[in-house]
Amino acid sequence: MENQQEQMENLSPEQLTARKEEMKQFFEEALPYLKAQAEYEKLLAEISENKLKRLQYDHQYAVTMFQINNPAPLDEDLEEEGLELDGRVNPETAKRKLKKN
């Protein structure tokens, strides 16, 4: 990098102008390809975003259908079984059950 900078500093004003023109031409020739790539990347991002949204909707639908088909027990039902709202056993209200062999 330093060697390249030294070479640029050693150029005459005419050579420097010619070098700048070469660089400008190179970048102008590359622009159509870069614009095409930018459009491609933008479309890929939109596709990924739409896939994510669809997965989120599918997940929410599945959760909703599960809740409809498996309603949560009411508080009274939980207390009767000796359970807390989060499913843990409440030792004060739990009924002891005998194991059957």
Protein backbone atom coordinates (compact mmCIF):
# COMPACT_ATOMS: atom_id res chain seq x y z
CA MET A 1 0.00 0.00 0.00
CA GLU A 2 2.81 2.40 0.90
CA ASN A 3 4.70 1.44 -2.28
CA GLN A 4 1.63 2.23 -4.37
CA GLN A 5 1.22 5.58 -2.62
CA GLU A 6 4.87 6.41 -3.29
CA GLN A 7 4.37 5.58 -6.97
CA MET A 8 1.36 7.92 -7.11
CA GLU A 9 3.39 10.71 -5.51
CA ASN A 10 6.20 10.25 -8.06
CA LEU A 11 3.85 10.68 -11.06
CA SER A 12 3.93 13.84 -13.11
CA PRO A 13 0.71 15.93 -13.18
CA GLU A 14 -0.11 14.57 -16.66
CA GLN A 15 0.42 10.96 -15.54
CA LEU A 16 -1.66 11.60 -12.43
CA THR A 17 -4.50 13.01 -14.54
CA ALA A 18 -4.29 10.00 -16.88
CA ARG A 19 -4.35 7.62 -13.89
CA LYS A 20 -7.42 9.36 -12.47
CA GLU A 21 -9.18 9.05 -15.85
CA GLU A 22 -8.37 5.33 -15.96
CA MET A 23 -9.82 4.88 -12.49
CA LYS A 24 -12.93 6.88 -13.40
CA GLN A 25 -13.46 4.80 -16.55
CA PHE A 26 -13.02 1.57 -14.58
CA PHE A 27 -15.66 2.57 -12.02
CA GLU A 28 -18.09 3.81 -14.68
CA GLU A 29 -17.79 0.48 -16.51
CA ALA A 30 -18.43 -1.40 -13.27
CA LEU A 31 -21.57 0.59 -12.35
CA PRO A 32 -24.10 -1.48 -14.36
CA TYR A 33 -22.84 -4.66 -12.72
CA LEU A 34 -22.94 -3.14 -9.26
CA LYS A 35 -26.45 -1.79 -9.83
CA ALA A 36 -27.60 -5.23 -10.98
CA GLN A 37 -26.01 -6.82 -7.91
CA ALA A 38 -27.63 -4.22 -5.62
CA GLU A 39 -31.06 -4.97 -7.13
CA TYR A 40 -30.42 -8.71 -6.75
CA GLU A 41 -29.43 -8.33 -3.08
CA LYS A 42 -32.48 -6.13 -2.45
CA LEU A 43 -34.79 -8.77 -3.90
CA LEU A 44 -33.12 -11.51 -1.84
CA ALA A 45 -33.64 -9.44 1.31
CA GLU A 46 -37.33 -8.91 0.46
CA ILE A 47 -37.78 -12.64 -0.14
CA SER A 48 -36.13 -13.49 3.20
CA GLU A 49 -38.27 -10.93 5.01
CA ASN A 50 -41.45 -12.33 3.48
CA LYS A 51 -40.43 -15.89 4.39
CA LEU A 52 -39.87 -14.81 7.99
CA LYS A 53 -43.27 -13.10 8.13
CA ARG A 54 -44.95 -16.21 6.72
CA LEU A 55 -43.24 -18.42 9.32
CA GLN A 56 -44.31 -16.06 12.11
CA TYR A 57 -47.92 -16.13 10.87
CA ASP A 58 -47.83 -19.92 10.60
CA HIS A 59 -46.44 -20.19 14.13
CA GLN A 60 -49.06 -17.83 15.55
CA TYR A 61 -51.80 -19.78 13.75
CA ALA A 62 -50.48 -23.07 15.16
CA VAL A 63 -50.36 -21.64 18.69
CA THR A 64 -53.90 -20.28 18.34
CA MET A 65 -55.23 -23.60 17.01
CA PHE A 66 -53.49 -25.48 19.83
CA GLN A 67 -55.06 -23.17 22.40
CA ILE A 68 -58.50 -23.62 20.84
CA ASN A 69 -58.17 -27.41 20.76
CA ASN A 70 -56.54 -27.63 24.22
CA PRO A 71 -58.08 -24.98 26.42
CA ALA A 72 -56.19 -24.11 29.58
CA PRO A 73 -57.82 -25.38 32.78
CA LEU A 74 -59.64 -22.82 34.89
CA ASP A 75 -58.16 -21.68 38.19
CA GLU A 76 -60.71 -23.76 40.12
CA ASP A 77 -59.68 -26.90 38.23
CA LEU A 78 -56.03 -26.27 39.03
CA GLU A 79 -56.75 -25.71 42.71
CA GLU A 80 -58.78 -28.92 42.80
CA GLU A 81 -55.80 -30.85 41.45
CA GLY A 82 -53.37 -29.04 43.74
CA LEU A 83 -51.51 -27.23 40.96
CA GLU A 84 -50.34 -23.66 40.55
CA LEU A 85 -51.11 -21.63 37.41
CA ASP A 86 -47.68 -22.46 35.96
CA GLY A 87 -48.25 -26.21 36.47
CA ARG A 88 -46.16 -26.66 39.63
CA VAL A 89 -47.58 -28.74 42.45
CA ASN A 90 -48.86 -26.77 45.42
CA PRO A 91 -48.08 -28.93 48.46
CA GLU A 92 -50.75 -27.23 50.59
CA THR A 93 -53.65 -28.05 48.30
CA ALA A 94 -52.38 -31.15 46.52
CA LYS A 95 -54.31 -34.32 47.06
CA ARG A 96 -52.24 -37.39 47.70
CA LYS A 97 -52.78 -40.20 45.26
CA LEU A 98 -51.95 -43.81 45.79
CA LYS A 99 -49.98 -45.62 43.16
CA LYS A 100 -51.65 -48.56 41.55
CA ASN A 101 -49.54 -51.57 40.69
